N, C-alpha and C. Protein backbone atom coordinates (compact mmCIF):
# COMPACT_ATOMS: atom_id res chain seq x y z
N MET A 1 13.03 -0.02 11.71
CA MET A 1 11.75 0.21 11.06
C MET A 1 11.94 1.11 9.84
N GLU A 2 11.18 0.81 8.81
CA GLU A 2 11.24 1.57 7.57
C GLU A 2 9.83 2.06 7.25
N ILE A 3 9.74 3.17 6.53
CA ILE A 3 8.44 3.69 6.10
C ILE A 3 8.53 4.02 4.63
N LYS A 4 7.59 3.49 3.85
CA LYS A 4 7.53 3.73 2.41
C LYS A 4 6.16 4.26 2.04
N LYS A 5 6.14 5.21 1.12
CA LYS A 5 4.89 5.70 0.56
C LYS A 5 4.89 5.35 -0.92
N GLY A 6 3.77 4.85 -1.40
CA GLY A 6 3.69 4.45 -2.79
C GLY A 6 2.42 4.93 -3.46
N TRP A 7 2.49 5.01 -4.78
CA TRP A 7 1.34 5.38 -5.61
C TRP A 7 1.16 4.31 -6.65
N VAL A 8 -0.01 3.66 -6.60
CA VAL A 8 -0.30 2.53 -7.48
C VAL A 8 -1.23 3.01 -8.59
N SER A 9 -0.81 2.79 -9.83
CA SER A 9 -1.59 3.22 -11.00
C SER A 9 -2.14 2.00 -11.72
N GLY A 10 -3.20 2.24 -12.49
CA GLY A 10 -3.84 1.19 -13.27
C GLY A 10 -5.31 1.11 -12.90
N ARG A 11 -5.87 -0.05 -13.04
CA ARG A 11 -7.26 -0.28 -12.63
C ARG A 11 -7.21 -0.73 -11.16
N VAL A 12 -7.19 0.26 -10.27
CA VAL A 12 -6.99 -0.05 -8.85
C VAL A 12 -8.07 0.54 -7.95
N GLN A 13 -9.04 1.24 -8.53
CA GLN A 13 -10.16 1.74 -7.73
C GLN A 13 -11.42 0.98 -8.13
N GLY A 14 -12.22 0.65 -7.12
CA GLY A 14 -13.47 -0.07 -7.38
C GLY A 14 -13.27 -1.56 -7.59
N VAL A 15 -12.08 -2.08 -7.25
CA VAL A 15 -11.80 -3.51 -7.44
C VAL A 15 -11.30 -4.17 -6.15
N GLY A 16 -11.47 -3.49 -5.01
CA GLY A 16 -11.06 -4.05 -3.73
C GLY A 16 -9.57 -3.91 -3.43
N PHE A 17 -8.90 -3.00 -4.14
CA PHE A 17 -7.45 -2.86 -3.96
C PHE A 17 -7.08 -2.38 -2.56
N ARG A 18 -7.82 -1.42 -2.01
CA ARG A 18 -7.49 -0.92 -0.67
C ARG A 18 -7.67 -2.01 0.38
N TYR A 19 -8.73 -2.82 0.24
CA TYR A 19 -8.97 -3.90 1.20
C TYR A 19 -7.90 -4.98 1.06
N PHE A 20 -7.50 -5.27 -0.17
CA PHE A 20 -6.41 -6.21 -0.42
C PHE A 20 -5.13 -5.70 0.25
N THR A 21 -4.87 -4.40 0.12
CA THR A 21 -3.70 -3.79 0.73
C THR A 21 -3.76 -3.91 2.24
N GLN A 22 -4.92 -3.65 2.82
CA GLN A 22 -5.07 -3.76 4.27
C GLN A 22 -4.83 -5.19 4.74
N GLN A 23 -5.42 -6.15 4.06
CA GLN A 23 -5.24 -7.56 4.45
C GLN A 23 -3.78 -7.97 4.34
N THR A 24 -3.13 -7.55 3.26
CA THR A 24 -1.72 -7.87 3.06
C THR A 24 -0.87 -7.26 4.17
N ALA A 25 -1.08 -5.98 4.44
CA ALA A 25 -0.30 -5.29 5.46
C ALA A 25 -0.52 -5.90 6.84
N GLU A 26 -1.76 -6.14 7.20
CA GLU A 26 -2.05 -6.69 8.52
C GLU A 26 -1.48 -8.10 8.68
N SER A 27 -1.52 -8.89 7.61
CA SER A 27 -0.97 -10.25 7.69
C SER A 27 0.54 -10.23 7.90
N LEU A 28 1.19 -9.14 7.48
CA LEU A 28 2.64 -9.00 7.64
C LEU A 28 3.01 -8.16 8.87
N GLY A 29 2.02 -7.73 9.62
CA GLY A 29 2.28 -6.93 10.81
C GLY A 29 2.72 -5.50 10.50
N LEU A 30 2.29 -4.97 9.36
CA LEU A 30 2.65 -3.62 8.97
C LEU A 30 1.57 -2.62 9.36
N GLU A 31 1.95 -1.37 9.49
CA GLU A 31 1.02 -0.30 9.78
C GLU A 31 1.00 0.66 8.61
N GLY A 32 -0.03 1.53 8.55
CA GLY A 32 -0.09 2.53 7.50
C GLY A 32 -1.51 2.78 7.03
N TYR A 33 -1.65 3.05 5.73
CA TYR A 33 -2.97 3.33 5.17
C TYR A 33 -2.99 3.08 3.67
N ALA A 34 -4.21 3.03 3.14
CA ALA A 34 -4.43 3.00 1.69
C ALA A 34 -5.60 3.94 1.42
N LYS A 35 -5.44 4.81 0.41
CA LYS A 35 -6.55 5.72 0.09
C LYS A 35 -6.60 5.97 -1.40
N ASN A 36 -7.83 6.13 -1.89
CA ASN A 36 -8.05 6.48 -3.28
C ASN A 36 -7.69 7.94 -3.51
N LEU A 37 -7.08 8.23 -4.65
CA LEU A 37 -6.79 9.60 -5.05
C LEU A 37 -7.72 9.99 -6.19
N SER A 38 -7.95 11.27 -6.34
CA SER A 38 -8.88 11.76 -7.36
C SER A 38 -8.41 11.47 -8.78
N ASP A 39 -7.12 11.21 -8.96
CA ASP A 39 -6.61 10.92 -10.30
C ASP A 39 -6.68 9.44 -10.68
N GLY A 40 -7.30 8.61 -9.82
CA GLY A 40 -7.48 7.19 -10.12
C GLY A 40 -6.44 6.28 -9.51
N ARG A 41 -5.40 6.85 -8.91
CA ARG A 41 -4.39 6.03 -8.26
C ARG A 41 -4.79 5.72 -6.82
N VAL A 42 -4.07 4.78 -6.21
CA VAL A 42 -4.22 4.51 -4.78
C VAL A 42 -2.89 4.85 -4.12
N GLU A 43 -2.96 5.65 -3.06
CA GLU A 43 -1.77 5.98 -2.27
C GLU A 43 -1.68 5.01 -1.11
N VAL A 44 -0.48 4.50 -0.86
CA VAL A 44 -0.26 3.51 0.19
C VAL A 44 0.90 3.96 1.07
N LEU A 45 0.74 3.83 2.38
CA LEU A 45 1.83 4.05 3.32
C LEU A 45 2.04 2.74 4.06
N LEU A 46 3.29 2.27 4.09
CA LEU A 46 3.64 1.03 4.79
C LEU A 46 4.75 1.32 5.78
N SER A 47 4.58 0.84 7.00
CA SER A 47 5.56 1.07 8.06
C SER A 47 5.83 -0.25 8.77
N GLY A 48 7.12 -0.58 8.91
CA GLY A 48 7.49 -1.81 9.59
C GLY A 48 8.86 -2.27 9.16
N PRO A 49 9.20 -3.54 9.46
CA PRO A 49 10.50 -4.09 9.07
C PRO A 49 10.64 -4.10 7.54
N SER A 50 11.83 -3.76 7.05
CA SER A 50 12.03 -3.62 5.61
C SER A 50 11.74 -4.91 4.84
N SER A 51 12.05 -6.07 5.40
CA SER A 51 11.79 -7.33 4.69
C SER A 51 10.29 -7.55 4.49
N ARG A 52 9.49 -7.15 5.47
CA ARG A 52 8.03 -7.31 5.35
C ARG A 52 7.45 -6.28 4.39
N ILE A 53 8.02 -5.08 4.40
CA ILE A 53 7.57 -4.07 3.44
C ILE A 53 7.86 -4.56 2.02
N THR A 54 9.00 -5.17 1.81
CA THR A 54 9.34 -5.71 0.50
C THR A 54 8.32 -6.76 0.06
N GLU A 55 7.91 -7.63 0.98
CA GLU A 55 6.89 -8.64 0.68
C GLU A 55 5.58 -7.97 0.26
N ALA A 56 5.19 -6.95 1.00
CA ALA A 56 3.94 -6.24 0.69
C ALA A 56 4.05 -5.55 -0.67
N GLN A 57 5.18 -4.93 -0.94
CA GLN A 57 5.37 -4.25 -2.22
C GLN A 57 5.22 -5.23 -3.38
N GLN A 58 5.77 -6.42 -3.23
CA GLN A 58 5.64 -7.43 -4.28
C GLN A 58 4.18 -7.83 -4.49
N ALA A 59 3.45 -7.99 -3.39
CA ALA A 59 2.03 -8.36 -3.50
C ALA A 59 1.22 -7.25 -4.16
N LEU A 60 1.53 -6.00 -3.82
CA LEU A 60 0.77 -4.88 -4.37
C LEU A 60 1.06 -4.66 -5.85
N THR A 61 2.18 -5.14 -6.34
CA THR A 61 2.47 -5.07 -7.76
C THR A 61 1.48 -5.91 -8.55
N LEU A 62 0.97 -6.97 -7.93
CA LEU A 62 -0.03 -7.84 -8.57
C LEU A 62 -1.45 -7.38 -8.24
N GLY A 63 -1.69 -7.09 -6.97
CA GLY A 63 -3.02 -6.67 -6.52
C GLY A 63 -4.01 -7.81 -6.49
N PRO A 64 -5.28 -7.50 -6.18
CA PRO A 64 -6.32 -8.53 -6.17
C PRO A 64 -6.68 -8.93 -7.60
N GLU A 65 -7.48 -9.96 -7.71
CA GLU A 65 -7.80 -10.55 -9.02
C GLU A 65 -8.35 -9.56 -10.05
N LEU A 66 -9.23 -8.66 -9.63
CA LEU A 66 -9.87 -7.74 -10.58
C LEU A 66 -9.01 -6.52 -10.92
N ALA A 67 -7.96 -6.31 -10.16
CA ALA A 67 -7.09 -5.14 -10.41
C ALA A 67 -6.15 -5.39 -11.57
N ARG A 68 -5.73 -4.31 -12.19
CA ARG A 68 -4.71 -4.36 -13.23
C ARG A 68 -3.70 -3.26 -12.92
N VAL A 69 -2.63 -3.62 -12.24
CA VAL A 69 -1.63 -2.64 -11.82
C VAL A 69 -0.70 -2.37 -13.01
N SER A 70 -0.61 -1.10 -13.39
CA SER A 70 0.28 -0.74 -14.50
C SER A 70 1.63 -0.23 -14.00
N SER A 71 1.65 0.42 -12.83
CA SER A 71 2.93 0.87 -12.26
C SER A 71 2.75 1.19 -10.79
N VAL A 72 3.88 1.15 -10.08
CA VAL A 72 3.92 1.52 -8.67
C VAL A 72 5.20 2.33 -8.46
N GLU A 73 5.06 3.48 -7.85
CA GLU A 73 6.21 4.32 -7.50
C GLU A 73 6.31 4.36 -5.98
N TRP A 74 7.54 4.16 -5.46
CA TRP A 74 7.77 4.16 -4.02
C TRP A 74 8.81 5.19 -3.64
N MET A 75 8.66 5.75 -2.45
CA MET A 75 9.68 6.64 -1.91
C MET A 75 9.77 6.43 -0.40
N ASP A 76 10.96 6.67 0.16
CA ASP A 76 11.14 6.62 1.61
C ASP A 76 10.54 7.88 2.21
N VAL A 77 9.94 7.74 3.38
CA VAL A 77 9.42 8.90 4.10
C VAL A 77 9.93 8.85 5.52
N ASP A 78 9.84 9.97 6.22
CA ASP A 78 10.39 10.06 7.57
C ASP A 78 9.42 9.48 8.61
N ALA A 79 9.94 9.28 9.80
CA ALA A 79 9.19 8.64 10.87
C ALA A 79 7.96 9.43 11.31
N GLU A 80 7.90 10.71 11.00
CA GLU A 80 6.73 11.51 11.36
C GLU A 80 5.48 11.04 10.63
N SER A 81 5.65 10.30 9.57
CA SER A 81 4.51 9.80 8.79
C SER A 81 3.93 8.52 9.37
N ALA A 82 4.59 7.92 10.35
CA ALA A 82 4.13 6.65 10.93
C ALA A 82 2.77 6.82 11.59
N MET A 83 2.02 5.72 11.61
CA MET A 83 0.72 5.73 12.28
C MET A 83 0.49 4.34 12.88
N ALA A 84 -0.38 4.28 13.86
CA ALA A 84 -0.69 3.02 14.52
C ALA A 84 -1.76 2.27 13.74
N GLY A 85 -1.56 0.98 13.56
CA GLY A 85 -2.54 0.16 12.85
C GLY A 85 -2.51 0.41 11.35
N PHE A 86 -3.48 -0.16 10.67
CA PHE A 86 -3.61 0.06 9.23
C PHE A 86 -5.03 0.53 8.96
N ARG A 87 -5.16 1.60 8.19
CA ARG A 87 -6.48 2.20 7.93
C ARG A 87 -6.73 2.32 6.44
N ILE A 88 -7.99 2.26 6.11
CA ILE A 88 -8.43 2.61 4.76
C ILE A 88 -9.01 4.00 4.87
N LEU A 89 -8.42 4.92 4.15
CA LEU A 89 -8.86 6.31 4.21
C LEU A 89 -9.70 6.67 3.00
């Protein structure tokens, strides 16, 4: 199992990006969360098999139709960050 935390920049708030992230993660059997940050980015935590995380990362680079993703930064995090299910915070 792998855990990645990411920060998605661009037009990603108010366009259904967190719900898109949840649907993508759940369809791939991933756990974690998506939450809006005060600076306009969305923070994402993904936990699961690395191949499925890679699939989710590729999808989040595009986002939903109304989103305009300008950049995504990812980092590995430790197992203490894991959570059950996927939540929108």
